[in-house]
Amino acid sequence: MLIVHIFYDCRDAMGANAVNTAAEAIAPRIESLTGGRVNLRILSNLSDRRTATAECIIVPAGLARHGIDGQTVARRIVEAWAFAAADPYRAATHNKGVMNGIDAVAIATGNDWRAIEAGAHAFAARNGRYSSLTDWRLDEDGNLHGKLHMPLSVGAVGGATKVHPTARAAMKILGRPNARRLAEIMAAVGLAQNLAAIRALAAEGIQQGHMRLHARKNGEK
């Protein structure tokens, strides 16, 4: 079996149509050169050459919650990350928290959240074992340092981004970003969502926070 990779700069488009068109156009040439038969001609959603990174540094004092001092919460957040980095069962839920934020932005802006999910989870398993998409550590000053690095092939033109009224409104709210900037925004939201989840786990527990949100939604005090 011969696998041919085409690297295609699709600029501000997500690029699925462009890449698929290019793959189909080049297929006869590959058959001519190899004497073989081309079978599948389609993009990969594991766009590991089109990644985005978000980072943050948080002073522990800002993490204090429910009578637990910030330094303790910061240490527990790092412990929670280490759990996700080591155990794929925990990593699946950990990364789902990341995607809670990213999917919301993708859907609002008319991007293909399923393609983003597929690429993210494949990237999380790129080393042969499924693990955390984020990294949380304490630096030499005791501050909490978080990082998210992942593939984010998104479009600021084409598809629903310029046609659907909700997507157009969302892009306007975001300042009409290009594809690179939109990917950076998504990464930042994903990192923030991950922090919110593991901070709750490290402090009062996720269920207590969820129940409080449910009560607020239902109009309870």
C-alpha atoms as a PDB file:
ATOM      1  CA  MET A   1       0.000   0.000   0.000  1.00  0.00           C
ATOM      2  CA  LEU A   2       1.268   3.474  -0.903  1.00  0.00           C
ATOM      3  CA  ILE A   3      -0.016   6.479   1.041  1.00  0.00           C
ATOM      4  CA  VAL A   4       0.475   9.909  -0.528  1.00  0.00           C
ATOM      5  CA  HIS A   5       0.142  13.015   1.647  1.00  0.00           C
ATOM      6  CA  ILE A   6      -0.758  16.335   0.043  1.00  0.00           C
ATOM      7  CA  PHE A   7       0.090  19.441   2.079  1.00  0.00           C
ATOM      8  CA  TYR A   8      -2.265  22.190   1.022  1.00  0.00           C
ATOM      9  CA  ASP A   9      -2.335  25.785   2.265  1.00  0.00           C
ATOM     10  CA  CYS A  10      -6.037  26.601   2.243  1.00  0.00           C
ATOM     11  CA  ARG A  11      -5.549  30.010   3.924  1.00  0.00           C
ATOM     12  CA  ASP A  12      -8.728  31.162   5.720  1.00  0.00           C
ATOM     13  CA  ALA A  13     -10.900  28.255   4.569  1.00  0.00           C
ATOM     14  CA  MET A  14     -11.328  25.054   6.544  1.00  0.00           C
ATOM     15  CA  GLY A  15     -10.175  23.428   3.331  1.00  0.00           C
ATOM     16  CA  ALA A  16     -12.076  20.143   3.088  1.00  0.00           C
ATOM     17  CA  ASN A  17     -13.439  20.842  -0.382  1.00  0.00           C
ATOM     18  CA  ALA A  18     -10.137  22.241  -1.641  1.00  0.00           C
ATOM     19  CA  VAL A  19      -8.097  19.293  -0.364  1.00  0.00           C
ATOM     20  CA  ASN A  20     -10.576  16.696  -1.633  1.00  0.00           C
ATOM     21  CA  THR A  21     -10.622  18.376  -5.055  1.00  0.00           C
ATOM     22  CA  ALA A  22      -6.823  18.392  -5.178  1.00  0.00           C
ATOM     23  CA  ALA A  23      -6.640  14.737  -4.103  1.00  0.00           C
ATOM     24  CA  GLU A  24      -9.050  13.702  -6.842  1.00  0.00           C
ATOM     25  CA  ALA A  25      -7.262  15.815  -9.448  1.00  0.00           C
ATOM     26  CA  ILE A  26      -3.839  14.321  -8.733  1.00  0.00           C
ATOM     27  CA  ALA A  27      -5.054  10.703  -8.592  1.00  0.00           C
ATOM     28  CA  PRO A  28      -4.625   9.969 -12.342  1.00  0.00           C
ATOM     29  CA  ARG A  29      -1.060  11.258 -12.202  1.00  0.00           C
ATOM     30  CA  ILE A  30      -0.239   8.998  -9.254  1.00  0.00           C
ATOM     31  CA  GLU A  31      -1.741   6.016 -11.072  1.00  0.00           C
ATOM     32  CA  SER A  32       0.357   6.858 -14.127  1.00  0.00           C
ATOM     33  CA  LEU A  33       3.573   7.102 -12.104  1.00  0.00           C
ATOM     34  CA  THR A  34       3.007   3.968 -10.015  1.00  0.00           C
ATOM     35  CA  GLY A  35       1.099   1.701 -12.347  1.00  0.00           C
ATOM     36  CA  GLY A  36      -1.314   1.090  -9.520  1.00  0.00           C
ATOM     37  CA  ARG A  37      -4.886   2.019  -8.663  1.00  0.00           C
ATOM     38  CA  VAL A  38      -5.757   4.961  -6.427  1.00  0.00           C
ATOM     39  CA  ASN A  39      -8.489   4.115  -3.952  1.00  0.00           C
ATOM     40  CA  LEU A  40      -9.390   6.743  -1.306  1.00  0.00           C
ATOM     41  CA  ARG A  41      -8.943  10.427  -2.180  1.00  0.00           C
ATOM     42  CA  ILE A  42      -9.934  12.491   0.840  1.00  0.00           C
ATOM     43  CA  LEU A  43      -8.576  14.805   3.499  1.00  0.00           C
ATOM     44  CA  SER A  44      -7.500  13.728   6.973  1.00  0.00           C
ATOM     45  CA  ASN A  45      -9.071  15.442   9.956  1.00  0.00           C
ATOM     46  CA  LEU A  46      -5.803  14.911  11.831  1.00  0.00           C
ATOM     47  CA  SER A  47      -4.438  18.278  10.693  1.00  0.00           C
ATOM     48  CA  ASP A  48      -1.289  18.145  12.812  1.00  0.00           C
ATOM     49  CA  ARG A  49       0.436  20.751  10.616  1.00  0.00           C
ATOM     50  CA  ARG A  50      -2.332  23.229  11.395  1.00  0.00           C
ATOM     51  CA  THR A  51      -2.294  23.598  15.157  1.00  0.00           C
ATOM     52  CA  ALA A  52      -3.111  26.284  17.686  1.00  0.00           C
ATOM     53  CA  THR A  53      -1.683  26.888  21.146  1.00  0.00           C
ATOM     54  CA  ALA A  54      -3.061  28.713  24.190  1.00  0.00           C
ATOM     55  CA  GLU A  55      -1.145  29.336  27.411  1.00  0.00           C
ATOM     56  CA  CYS A  56      -1.903  31.018  30.721  1.00  0.00           C
ATOM     57  CA  ILE A  57      -0.164  31.795  34.001  1.00  0.00           C
ATOM     58  CA  ILE A  58      -2.343  32.119  37.089  1.00  0.00           C
ATOM     59  CA  VAL A  59      -1.297  33.418  40.487  1.00  0.00           C
ATOM     60  CA  PRO A  60      -2.516  30.817  43.037  1.00  0.00           C
ATOM     61  CA  ALA A  61      -4.192  33.451  45.238  1.00  0.00           C
ATOM     62  CA  GLY A  62      -6.849  33.809  42.544  1.00  0.00           C
ATOM     63  CA  LEU A  63      -7.745  30.135  42.788  1.00  0.00           C
ATOM     64  CA  ALA A  64      -8.843  30.096  46.434  1.00  0.00           C
ATOM     65  CA  ARG A  65     -12.314  28.597  46.764  1.00  0.00           C
ATOM     66  CA  HIS A  66     -14.690  27.420  49.485  1.00  0.00           C
ATOM     67  CA  GLY A  67     -12.175  27.834  52.276  1.00  0.00           C
ATOM     68  CA  ILE A  68      -9.356  26.115  50.365  1.00  0.00           C
ATOM     69  CA  ASP A  69      -6.296  28.298  49.852  1.00  0.00           C
ATOM     70  CA  GLY A  70      -5.131  28.980  46.307  1.00  0.00           C
ATOM     71  CA  GLN A  71      -1.829  27.146  46.577  1.00  0.00           C
ATOM     72  CA  THR A  72      -3.645  23.968  47.590  1.00  0.00           C
ATOM     73  CA  VAL A  73      -6.110  24.331  44.719  1.00  0.00           C
ATOM     74  CA  ALA A  74      -3.231  24.901  42.277  1.00  0.00           C
ATOM     75  CA  ARG A  75      -1.442  21.786  43.500  1.00  0.00           C
ATOM     76  CA  ARG A  76      -4.633  19.737  43.216  1.00  0.00           C
ATOM     77  CA  ILE A  77      -5.173  21.013  39.647  1.00  0.00           C
ATOM     78  CA  VAL A  78      -1.724  19.736  38.697  1.00  0.00           C
ATOM     79  CA  GLU A  79      -2.538  16.413  40.354  1.00  0.00           C
ATOM     80  CA  ALA A  80      -5.790  16.224  38.387  1.00  0.00           C
ATOM     81  CA  TRP A  81      -3.880  16.872  35.160  1.00  0.00           C
ATOM     82  CA  ALA A  82      -1.312  14.169  36.041  1.00  0.00           C
ATOM     83  CA  PHE A  83      -4.191  11.719  36.489  1.00  0.00           C
ATOM     84  CA  ALA A  84      -5.498  12.553  32.992  1.00  0.00           C
ATOM     85  CA  ALA A  85      -2.002  12.347  31.502  1.00  0.00           C
ATOM     86  CA  ALA A  86      -1.510   8.844  32.922  1.00  0.00           C
ATOM     87  CA  ASP A  87      -4.965   7.266  32.614  1.00  0.00           C
ATOM     88  CA  PRO A  88      -6.967   7.162  29.353  1.00  0.00           C
ATOM     89  CA  TYR A  89     -10.276   6.708  31.194  1.00  0.00           C
ATOM     90  CA  ARG A  90      -9.728   9.978  33.018  1.00  0.00           C
ATOM     91  CA  ALA A  91      -8.207  11.609  29.913  1.00  0.00           C
ATOM     92  CA  ALA A  92     -11.408  10.986  27.935  1.00  0.00           C
ATOM     93  CA  THR A  93     -13.472  13.064  30.386  1.00  0.00           C
ATOM     94  CA  HIS A  94     -10.673  15.592  30.862  1.00  0.00           C
ATOM     95  CA  ASN A  95     -10.501  16.227  27.102  1.00  0.00           C
ATOM     96  CA  LYS A  96     -14.280  16.271  26.821  1.00  0.00           C
ATOM     97  CA  GLY A  97     -14.135  19.326  29.089  1.00  0.00           C
ATOM     98  CA  VAL A  98     -11.715  20.988  26.679  1.00  0.00           C
ATOM     99  CA  MET A  99     -14.015  20.256  23.757  1.00  0.00           C
ATOM    100  CA  ASN A 100     -17.064  21.615  25.623  1.00  0.00           C
ATOM    101  CA  GLY A 101     -15.603  25.064  25.015  1.00  0.00           C
ATOM    102  CA  ILE A 102     -14.138  24.513  21.552  1.00  0.00           C
ATOM    103  CA  ASP A 103     -17.256  22.842  20.139  1.00  0.00           C
ATOM    104  CA  ALA A 104     -19.423  25.733  21.323  1.00  0.00           C
ATOM    105  CA  VAL A 105     -17.298  28.259  19.409  1.00  0.00           C
ATOM    106  CA  ALA A 106     -17.147  25.962  16.369  1.00  0.00           C
ATOM    107  CA  ILE A 107     -20.923  25.552  16.252  1.00  0.00           C
ATOM    108  CA  ALA A 108     -21.533  29.274  16.794  1.00  0.00           C
ATOM    109  CA  THR A 109     -19.203  30.202  13.922  1.00  0.00           C
ATOM    110  CA  GLY A 110     -20.486  27.575  11.492  1.00  0.00           C
ATOM    111  CA  ASN A 111     -17.443  25.312  11.666  1.00  0.00           C
ATOM    112  CA  ASP A 112     -17.441  21.513  11.549  1.00  0.00           C
ATOM    113  CA  TRP A 113     -17.196  20.560  15.224  1.00  0.00           C
ATOM    114  CA  ARG A 114     -17.182  16.832  14.368  1.00  0.00           C
ATOM    115  CA  ALA A 115     -14.048  17.233  12.246  1.00  0.00           C
ATOM    116  CA  ILE A 116     -12.391  19.207  15.050  1.00  0.00           C
ATOM    117  CA  GLU A 117     -13.339  16.525  17.594  1.00  0.00           C
ATOM    118  CA  ALA A 118     -11.947  13.753  15.379  1.00  0.00           C
ATOM    119  CA  GLY A 119      -8.645  15.559  14.940  1.00  0.00           C
ATOM    120  CA  ALA A 120      -8.374  16.440  18.626  1.00  0.00           C
ATOM    121  CA  HIS A 121      -8.865  12.893  19.884  1.00  0.00           C
ATOM    122  CA  ALA A 122      -6.535  11.425  17.253  1.00  0.00           C
ATOM    123  CA  PHE A 123      -3.912  13.990  18.302  1.00  0.00           C
ATOM    124  CA  ALA A 124      -4.405  13.031  21.956  1.00  0.00           C
ATOM    125  CA  ALA A 125      -3.436   9.466  21.016  1.00  0.00           C
ATOM    126  CA  ARG A 126      -0.556  10.345  18.674  1.00  0.00           C
ATOM    127  CA  ASN A 127       2.059   8.779  20.963  1.00  0.00           C
ATOM    128  CA  GLY A 128       0.300   5.412  21.003  1.00  0.00           C
ATOM    129  CA  ARG A 129      -1.731   5.998  24.156  1.00  0.00           C
ATOM    130  CA  TYR A 130      -4.668   8.331  24.684  1.00  0.00           C
ATOM    131  CA  SER A 131      -3.712  11.179  27.021  1.00  0.00           C
ATOM    132  CA  SER A 132      -4.462  14.758  28.056  1.00  0.00           C
ATOM    133  CA  LEU A 133      -4.636  17.541  25.476  1.00  0.00           C
ATOM    134  CA  THR A 134      -3.616  20.079  28.120  1.00  0.00           C
ATOM    135  CA  ASP A 135      -0.614  20.476  30.368  1.00  0.00           C
ATOM    136  CA  TRP A 136      -0.756  22.016  33.864  1.00  0.00           C
ATOM    137  CA  ARG A 137       2.328  22.653  35.988  1.00  0.00           C
ATOM    138  CA  LEU A 138       3.583  24.836  38.808  1.00  0.00           C
ATOM    139  CA  ASP A 139       6.493  27.045  37.749  1.00  0.00           C
ATOM    140  CA  GLU A 140       9.494  28.024  39.875  1.00  0.00           C
ATOM    141  CA  ASP A 141       7.531  30.941  41.371  1.00  0.00           C
ATOM    142  CA  GLY A 142       4.649  28.694  42.411  1.00  0.00           C
ATOM    143  CA  ASN A 143       2.309  30.040  39.730  1.00  0.00           C
ATOM    144  CA  LEU A 144       0.001  27.728  37.811  1.00  0.00           C
ATOM    145  CA  HIS A 145       1.018  27.386  34.163  1.00  0.00           C
ATOM    146  CA  GLY A 146      -1.468  25.899  31.703  1.00  0.00           C
ATOM    147  CA  LYS A 147      -1.037  25.035  28.031  1.00  0.00           C
ATOM    148  CA  LEU A 148      -3.238  23.579  25.302  1.00  0.00           C
ATOM    149  CA  HIS A 149      -1.735  22.576  21.950  1.00  0.00           C
ATOM    150  CA  MET A 150      -3.890  20.782  19.389  1.00  0.00           C
ATOM    151  CA  PRO A 151      -4.911  20.665  15.722  1.00  0.00           C
ATOM    152  CA  LEU A 152      -7.590  23.191  14.832  1.00  0.00           C
ATOM    153  CA  SER A 153      -8.488  23.267  11.165  1.00  0.00           C
ATOM    154  CA  VAL A 154     -11.192  25.935  11.044  1.00  0.00           C
ATOM    155  CA  GLY A 155     -12.537  28.339   8.467  1.00  0.00           C
ATOM    156  CA  ALA A 156     -13.314  32.021   8.512  1.00  0.00           C
ATOM    157  CA  VAL A 157     -14.607  31.934   4.934  1.00  0.00           C
ATOM    158  CA  GLY A 158     -16.726  29.426   3.049  1.00  0.00           C
ATOM    159  CA  GLY A 159     -19.258  26.989   4.420  1.00  0.00           C
ATOM    160  CA  ALA A 160     -21.785  28.428   6.854  1.00  0.00           C
ATOM    161  CA  THR A 161     -19.459  31.126   8.200  1.00  0.00           C
ATOM    162  CA  LYS A 162     -20.530  33.673   5.579  1.00  0.00           C
ATOM    163  CA  VAL A 163     -24.060  32.406   4.935  1.00  0.00           C
ATOM    164  CA  HIS A 164     -25.759  31.440   8.193  1.00  0.00           C
ATOM    165  CA  PRO A 165     -26.983  34.561  10.069  1.00  0.00           C
ATOM    166  CA  THR A 166     -26.004  33.183  13.489  1.00  0.00           C
ATOM    167  CA  ALA A 167     -22.514  32.306  12.279  1.00  0.00           C
ATOM    168  CA  ARG A 168     -22.138  35.745  10.720  1.00  0.00           C
ATOM    169  CA  ALA A 169     -23.221  37.389  13.970  1.00  0.00           C
ATOM    170  CA  ALA A 170     -20.806  35.264  16.001  1.00  0.00           C
ATOM    171  CA  MET A 171     -17.918  36.140  13.694  1.00  0.00           C
ATOM    172  CA  LYS A 172     -18.801  39.823  14.016  1.00  0.00           C
ATOM    173  CA  ILE A 173     -18.814  39.568  17.830  1.00  0.00           C
ATOM    174  CA  LEU A 174     -15.354  37.960  17.651  1.00  0.00           C
ATOM    175  CA  GLY A 175     -14.059  40.854  15.555  1.00  0.00           C
ATOM    176  CA  ARG A 176     -14.214  39.009  12.215  1.00  0.00           C
ATOM    177  CA  PRO A 177     -11.046  36.975  12.840  1.00  0.00           C
ATOM    178  CA  ASN A 178      -9.129  35.155  10.145  1.00  0.00           C
ATOM    179  CA  ALA A 179      -8.774  31.378  10.429  1.00  0.00           C
ATOM    180  CA  ARG A 180      -5.557  31.539  12.458  1.00  0.00           C
ATOM    181  CA  ARG A 181      -7.033  33.986  14.960  1.00  0.00           C
ATOM    182  CA  LEU A 182     -10.265  31.980  15.217  1.00  0.00           C
ATOM    183  CA  ALA A 183      -8.254  28.830  16.009  1.00  0.00           C
ATOM    184  CA  GLU A 184      -6.378  30.740  18.715  1.00  0.00           C
ATOM    185  CA  ILE A 185      -9.664  31.928  20.220  1.00  0.00           C
ATOM    186  CA  MET A 186     -10.985  28.356  20.253  1.00  0.00           C
ATOM    187  CA  ALA A 187      -7.819  27.106  21.932  1.00  0.00           C
ATOM    188  CA  ALA A 188      -8.078  29.799  24.603  1.00  0.00           C
ATOM    189  CA  VAL A 189     -11.725  28.910  25.282  1.00  0.00           C
ATOM    190  CA  GLY A 190     -10.838  25.214  25.464  1.00  0.00           C
ATOM    191  CA  LEU A 191      -8.050  25.861  27.965  1.00  0.00           C
ATOM    192  CA  ALA A 192     -10.322  28.076  30.089  1.00  0.00           C
ATOM    193  CA  GLN A 193     -13.066  25.441  30.042  1.00  0.00           C
ATOM    194  CA  ASN A 194     -10.594  22.782  31.121  1.00  0.00           C
ATOM    195  CA  LEU A 195      -9.382  24.975  33.979  1.00  0.00           C
ATOM    196  CA  ALA A 196     -12.935  25.614  35.153  1.00  0.00           C
ATOM    197  CA  ALA A 197     -13.667  21.881  35.264  1.00  0.00           C
ATOM    198  CA  ILE A 198     -10.512  20.749  37.060  1.00  0.00           C
ATOM    199  CA  ARG A 199     -10.666  23.696  39.458  1.00  0.00           C
ATOM    200  CA  ALA A 200     -14.161  22.573  40.464  1.00  0.00           C
ATOM    201  CA  LEU A 201     -12.917  18.998  40.811  1.00  0.00           C
ATOM    202  CA  ALA A 202      -9.993  20.177  42.933  1.00  0.00           C
ATOM    203  CA  ALA A 203     -12.215  22.253  45.221  1.00  0.00           C
ATOM    204  CA  GLU A 204     -15.923  21.676  45.848  1.00  0.00           C
ATOM    205  CA  GLY A 205     -16.405  18.800  43.413  1.00  0.00           C
ATOM    206  CA  ILE A 206     -17.970  18.863  39.961  1.00  0.00           C
ATOM    207  CA  GLN A 207     -21.394  17.633  41.025  1.00  0.00           C
ATOM    208  CA  GLN A 208     -21.966  20.434  43.521  1.00  0.00           C
ATOM    209  CA  GLY A 209     -21.166  22.996  40.847  1.00  0.00           C
ATOM    210  CA  HIS A 210     -23.413  21.260  38.321  1.00  0.00           C
ATOM    211  CA  MET A 211     -26.316  21.131  40.739  1.00  0.00           C
ATOM    212  CA  ARG A 212     -25.944  24.831  41.488  1.00  0.00           C
ATOM    213  CA  LEU A 213     -26.118  25.598  37.768  1.00  0.00           C
ATOM    214  CA  HIS A 214     -29.177  23.358  37.354  1.00  0.00           C
ATOM    215  CA  ALA A 215     -30.866  25.122  40.251  1.00  0.00           C
ATOM    216  CA  ARG A 216     -30.105  28.532  38.734  1.00  0.00           C
ATOM    217  CA  LYS A 217     -31.526  27.394  35.399  1.00  0.00           C
ATOM    218  CA  ASN A 218     -34.711  26.235  37.095  1.00  0.00           C
ATOM    219  CA  GLY A 219     -35.098  29.509  38.978  1.00  0.00           C
ATOM    220  CA  GLU A 220     -34.282  28.105  42.399  1.00  0.00           C
ATOM    221  CA  LYS A 221     -32.423  30.103  45.051  1.00  0.00           C
END
